[in-house]
């Protein structure tokens, strides 16, 4: 019985964090990273992240079409589709062709704002930044790591056509 309660708590905190992250992404897209509402939402997102992290050093969210794996816990697509924030987070990751997101305890509000900017639909990856990972690296965000979905580099690489 306590394992079920622990799972409910885990999923509740995960849903809250992804909800706050999705709200932050929407806010940064509508306004700017320096807007008062963005600053308010990043505080909420940070609080939800720290609550979700608990005692852990980091969290790793892996997304594919069939499921989501969060810190080794498999969340089936049926559960993801029933939870709006998880479903939207999965869609954002797929749109950006990302397969994982890792956030560690040293993340700062500014880091979350940069992540939100990179995950907005209006942010177009430029030739200079190449991808979300490079964008974060170029902005000195080292507490957040993203990985491209398998095969996306080959799809974009002109050499793969030759």
C-alpha atoms as a PDB file:
ATOM      1  CA  UNK A   1       0.000   0.000   0.000  1.00  0.00           C
ATOM      2  CA  UNK A   2       2.785   2.485   0.812  1.00  0.00           C
ATOM      3  CA  UNK A   3       4.353   1.814  -2.609  1.00  0.00           C
ATOM      4  CA  UNK A   4       1.106   2.933  -4.245  1.00  0.00           C
ATOM      5  CA  UNK A   5       1.052   6.100  -2.139  1.00  0.00           C
ATOM      6  CA  UNK A   6       4.684   6.746  -3.021  1.00  0.00           C
ATOM      7  CA  UNK A   7       3.871   6.275  -6.729  1.00  0.00           C
ATOM      8  CA  UNK A   8       0.868   8.588  -6.468  1.00  0.00           C
ATOM      9  CA  UNK A   9       3.069  11.190  -4.788  1.00  0.00           C
ATOM     10  CA  UNK A  10       5.792  10.724  -7.427  1.00  0.00           C
ATOM     11  CA  UNK A  11       3.316  11.105 -10.317  1.00  0.00           C
ATOM     12  CA  UNK A  12       1.591  14.045  -8.646  1.00  0.00           C
ATOM     13  CA  UNK A  13       4.896  15.893  -8.195  1.00  0.00           C
ATOM     14  CA  UNK A  14       5.958  15.011 -11.752  1.00  0.00           C
ATOM     15  CA  UNK A  15       2.642  16.284 -13.151  1.00  0.00           C
ATOM     16  CA  UNK A  16       3.003  19.486 -11.112  1.00  0.00           C
ATOM     17  CA  UNK A  17       6.570  20.068 -12.342  1.00  0.00           C
ATOM     18  CA  UNK A  18       5.710  19.424 -16.004  1.00  0.00           C
ATOM     19  CA  UNK A  19       2.641  21.656 -15.640  1.00  0.00           C
ATOM     20  CA  UNK A  20       4.781  24.512 -14.309  1.00  0.00           C
ATOM     21  CA  UNK A  21       7.417  23.930 -17.010  1.00  0.00           C
ATOM     22  CA  UNK A  22       4.788  23.974 -19.775  1.00  0.00           C
ATOM     23  CA  UNK A  23       3.294  27.173 -18.282  1.00  0.00           C
ATOM     24  CA  UNK A  24       6.753  28.750 -18.198  1.00  0.00           C
ATOM     25  CA  UNK A  25       7.360  27.815 -21.839  1.00  0.00           C
ATOM     26  CA  UNK A  26       4.013  29.378 -22.837  1.00  0.00           C
ATOM     27  CA  UNK A  27       4.724  32.533 -20.829  1.00  0.00           C
ATOM     28  CA  UNK A  28       8.210  32.989 -22.288  1.00  0.00           C
ATOM     29  CA  UNK A  29       6.754  32.497 -25.755  1.00  0.00           C
ATOM     30  CA  UNK A  30       4.039  35.126 -25.226  1.00  0.00           C
ATOM     31  CA  UNK A  31       6.239  37.663 -23.456  1.00  0.00           C
ATOM     32  CA  UNK A  32       9.983  37.717 -22.838  1.00  0.00           C
ATOM     33  CA  UNK A  33      12.280  36.045 -20.362  1.00  0.00           C
ATOM     34  CA  UNK A  34      12.517  39.355 -18.448  1.00  0.00           C
ATOM     35  CA  UNK A  35       8.764  39.931 -18.183  1.00  0.00           C
ATOM     36  CA  UNK A  36       7.299  40.004 -14.640  1.00  0.00           C
ATOM     37  CA  UNK A  37       4.998  37.060 -15.425  1.00  0.00           C
ATOM     38  CA  UNK A  38       7.943  35.000 -16.706  1.00  0.00           C
ATOM     39  CA  UNK A  39       9.844  35.736 -13.496  1.00  0.00           C
ATOM     40  CA  UNK A  40       6.809  34.741 -11.423  1.00  0.00           C
ATOM     41  CA  UNK A  41       6.334  31.517 -13.383  1.00  0.00           C
ATOM     42  CA  UNK A  42       9.998  30.562 -13.210  1.00  0.00           C
ATOM     43  CA  UNK A  43       9.760  30.770  -9.408  1.00  0.00           C
ATOM     44  CA  UNK A  44       6.789  28.393  -9.488  1.00  0.00           C
ATOM     45  CA  UNK A  45       8.621  26.059 -11.873  1.00  0.00           C
ATOM     46  CA  UNK A  46      11.732  26.051  -9.696  1.00  0.00           C
ATOM     47  CA  UNK A  47       9.685  25.307  -6.593  1.00  0.00           C
ATOM     48  CA  UNK A  48       7.907  22.421  -8.353  1.00  0.00           C
ATOM     49  CA  UNK A  49      11.244  21.072  -9.638  1.00  0.00           C
ATOM     50  CA  UNK A  50      12.832  21.131  -6.184  1.00  0.00           C
ATOM     51  CA  UNK A  51       9.755  19.471  -4.694  1.00  0.00           C
ATOM     52  CA  UNK A  52       9.872  16.799  -7.396  1.00  0.00           C
ATOM     53  CA  UNK A  53      13.614  16.268  -6.936  1.00  0.00           C
ATOM     54  CA  UNK A  54      13.304  15.785  -3.189  1.00  0.00           C
ATOM     55  CA  UNK A  55      16.592  14.294  -2.013  1.00  0.00           C
ATOM     56  CA  UNK A  56      17.813  13.287  -5.511  1.00  0.00           C
ATOM     57  CA  UNK A  57      20.711  15.088  -7.208  1.00  0.00           C
ATOM     58  CA  UNK A  58      19.032  15.132 -10.609  1.00  0.00           C
ATOM     59  CA  UNK A  59      16.056  13.965 -12.603  1.00  0.00           C
ATOM     60  CA  UNK A  60      16.053  12.413 -16.053  1.00  0.00           C
ATOM     61  CA  UNK A  61      12.976  12.428 -18.281  1.00  0.00           C
ATOM     62  CA  UNK A  62      13.117  10.198 -21.362  1.00  0.00           C
ATOM     63  CA  UNK A  63      10.373  10.481 -23.959  1.00  0.00           C
ATOM     64  CA  UNK A  64       9.410   8.266 -26.858  1.00  0.00           C
ATOM     65  CA  UNK A  65       6.160   7.580 -28.688  1.00  0.00           C
ATOM     66  CA  UNK A  66       5.193   4.635 -26.503  1.00  0.00           C
ATOM     67  CA  UNK A  67       6.076   5.823 -23.013  1.00  0.00           C
ATOM     68  CA  UNK A  68       7.892   8.219 -20.767  1.00  0.00           C
ATOM     69  CA  UNK A  69      10.624   7.035 -18.403  1.00  0.00           C
ATOM     70  CA  UNK A  70      11.301   9.290 -15.441  1.00  0.00           C
ATOM     71  CA  UNK A  71      14.184   8.370 -13.167  1.00  0.00           C
ATOM     72  CA  UNK A  72      13.764   4.722 -14.127  1.00  0.00           C
ATOM     73  CA  UNK A  73       9.976   4.738 -13.589  1.00  0.00           C
ATOM     74  CA  UNK A  74       8.073   3.768 -16.737  1.00  0.00           C
ATOM     75  CA  UNK A  75       4.988   5.857 -17.366  1.00  0.00           C
ATOM     76  CA  UNK A  76       2.882   4.207 -20.083  1.00  0.00           C
ATOM     77  CA  UNK A  77       1.455   6.317 -22.886  1.00  0.00           C
ATOM     78  CA  UNK A  78      -2.069   5.693 -21.567  1.00  0.00           C
ATOM     79  CA  UNK A  79      -1.143   7.491 -18.339  1.00  0.00           C
ATOM     80  CA  UNK A  80       0.706  10.246 -20.213  1.00  0.00           C
ATOM     81  CA  UNK A  81      -2.315  10.892 -22.425  1.00  0.00           C
ATOM     82  CA  UNK A  82      -4.595  11.175 -19.350  1.00  0.00           C
ATOM     83  CA  UNK A  83      -2.337  13.832 -17.776  1.00  0.00           C
ATOM     84  CA  UNK A  84      -2.458  17.082 -19.811  1.00  0.00           C
ATOM     85  CA  UNK A  85       0.892  18.429 -18.588  1.00  0.00           C
ATOM     86  CA  UNK A  86       2.711  15.153 -19.320  1.00  0.00           C
ATOM     87  CA  UNK A  87       1.070  14.909 -22.721  1.00  0.00           C
ATOM     88  CA  UNK A  88       2.009  18.494 -23.631  1.00  0.00           C
ATOM     89  CA  UNK A  89       5.568  18.004 -22.321  1.00  0.00           C
ATOM     90  CA  UNK A  90       5.901  14.871 -24.468  1.00  0.00           C
ATOM     91  CA  UNK A  91       4.623  16.816 -27.507  1.00  0.00           C
ATOM     92  CA  UNK A  92       7.112  19.632 -26.918  1.00  0.00           C
ATOM     93  CA  UNK A  93       9.987  17.152 -26.650  1.00  0.00           C
ATOM     94  CA  UNK A  94       8.869  15.432 -29.865  1.00  0.00           C
ATOM     95  CA  UNK A  95       8.478  18.777 -31.694  1.00  0.00           C
ATOM     96  CA  UNK A  96      12.035  19.704 -30.717  1.00  0.00           C
ATOM     97  CA  UNK A  97      13.229  16.178 -31.605  1.00  0.00           C
ATOM     98  CA  UNK A  98      14.533  15.588 -28.099  1.00  0.00           C
ATOM     99  CA  UNK A  99      14.577  12.242 -26.427  1.00  0.00           C
ATOM    100  CA  UNK A 100      15.713  13.212 -22.922  1.00  0.00           C
ATOM    101  CA  UNK A 101      15.936  16.092 -20.497  1.00  0.00           C
ATOM    102  CA  UNK A 102      18.121  15.971 -17.394  1.00  0.00           C
ATOM    103  CA  UNK A 103      17.997  18.679 -14.735  1.00  0.00           C
ATOM    104  CA  UNK A 104      20.303  18.685 -11.740  1.00  0.00           C
ATOM    105  CA  UNK A 105      19.947  20.316  -8.364  1.00  0.00           C
ATOM    106  CA  UNK A 106      22.272  23.207  -9.290  1.00  0.00           C
ATOM    107  CA  UNK A 107      19.765  24.558 -11.851  1.00  0.00           C
ATOM    108  CA  UNK A 108      19.025  28.270 -11.489  1.00  0.00           C
ATOM    109  CA  UNK A 109      16.012  30.335 -12.476  1.00  0.00           C
ATOM    110  CA  UNK A 110      17.976  31.772 -15.409  1.00  0.00           C
ATOM    111  CA  UNK A 111      18.721  28.236 -16.621  1.00  0.00           C
ATOM    112  CA  UNK A 112      15.028  27.343 -16.608  1.00  0.00           C
ATOM    113  CA  UNK A 113      14.247  30.546 -18.510  1.00  0.00           C
ATOM    114  CA  UNK A 114      16.840  29.656 -21.175  1.00  0.00           C
ATOM    115  CA  UNK A 115      15.410  26.135 -21.414  1.00  0.00           C
ATOM    116  CA  UNK A 116      11.902  27.564 -21.773  1.00  0.00           C
ATOM    117  CA  UNK A 117      13.079  29.912 -24.561  1.00  0.00           C
ATOM    118  CA  UNK A 118      14.715  27.012 -26.420  1.00  0.00           C
ATOM    119  CA  UNK A 119      11.554  24.899 -26.116  1.00  0.00           C
ATOM    120  CA  UNK A 120       9.110  27.535 -27.383  1.00  0.00           C
ATOM    121  CA  UNK A 121       7.504  26.918 -30.747  1.00  0.00           C
ATOM    122  CA  UNK A 122       8.599  30.388 -31.877  1.00  0.00           C
ATOM    123  CA  UNK A 123      12.269  29.624 -31.183  1.00  0.00           C
ATOM    124  CA  UNK A 124      13.790  28.492 -34.436  1.00  0.00           C
ATOM    125  CA  UNK A 125      17.107  26.742 -34.113  1.00  0.00           C
ATOM    126  CA  UNK A 126      19.507  28.899 -36.067  1.00  0.00           C
ATOM    127  CA  UNK A 127      22.533  27.761 -38.029  1.00  0.00           C
ATOM    128  CA  UNK A 128      24.647  29.316 -35.282  1.00  0.00           C
ATOM    129  CA  UNK A 129      23.149  27.297 -32.419  1.00  0.00           C
ATOM    130  CA  UNK A 130      22.332  24.151 -34.435  1.00  0.00           C
ATOM    131  CA  UNK A 131      20.166  22.587 -31.692  1.00  0.00           C
ATOM    132  CA  UNK A 132      18.692  23.057 -28.214  1.00  0.00           C
ATOM    133  CA  UNK A 133      21.742  21.478 -26.574  1.00  0.00           C
ATOM    134  CA  UNK A 134      24.110  23.919 -28.308  1.00  0.00           C
ATOM    135  CA  UNK A 135      21.813  26.837 -27.434  1.00  0.00           C
ATOM    136  CA  UNK A 136      21.972  25.924 -23.733  1.00  0.00           C
ATOM    137  CA  UNK A 137      25.729  25.411 -23.905  1.00  0.00           C
ATOM    138  CA  UNK A 138      26.215  28.776 -25.660  1.00  0.00           C
ATOM    139  CA  UNK A 139      24.262  30.414 -22.822  1.00  0.00           C
ATOM    140  CA  UNK A 140      26.381  28.685 -20.134  1.00  0.00           C
ATOM    141  CA  UNK A 141      23.536  26.456 -18.945  1.00  0.00           C
ATOM    142  CA  UNK A 142      25.323  23.350 -17.677  1.00  0.00           C
ATOM    143  CA  UNK A 143      22.778  22.201 -15.087  1.00  0.00           C
ATOM    144  CA  UNK A 144      20.385  21.091 -17.839  1.00  0.00           C
ATOM    145  CA  UNK A 145      21.220  18.509 -20.492  1.00  0.00           C
ATOM    146  CA  UNK A 146      19.167  17.444 -23.491  1.00  0.00           C
ATOM    147  CA  UNK A 147      19.715  14.638 -25.965  1.00  0.00           C
ATOM    148  CA  UNK A 148      18.406  14.503 -29.508  1.00  0.00           C
ATOM    149  CA  UNK A 149      16.099  11.694 -30.471  1.00  0.00           C
ATOM    150  CA  UNK A 150      17.983   8.847 -32.155  1.00  0.00           C
ATOM    151  CA  UNK A 151      18.443   9.378 -35.861  1.00  0.00           C
ATOM    152  CA  UNK A 152      17.712  13.116 -35.961  1.00  0.00           C
ATOM    153  CA  UNK A 153      21.339  14.049 -36.641  1.00  0.00           C
ATOM    154  CA  UNK A 154      21.355  11.734 -39.659  1.00  0.00           C
ATOM    155  CA  UNK A 155      18.128  13.308 -40.930  1.00  0.00           C
ATOM    156  CA  UNK A 156      19.559  16.797 -40.816  1.00  0.00           C
ATOM    157  CA  UNK A 157      23.071  16.033 -41.984  1.00  0.00           C
ATOM    158  CA  UNK A 158      23.722  16.764 -45.684  1.00  0.00           C
ATOM    159  CA  UNK A 159      26.476  14.127 -45.622  1.00  0.00           C
ATOM    160  CA  UNK A 160      23.874  11.446 -44.856  1.00  0.00           C
ATOM    161  CA  UNK A 161      22.360  12.006 -48.307  1.00  0.00           C
ATOM    162  CA  UNK A 162      25.637  11.362 -50.130  1.00  0.00           C
END
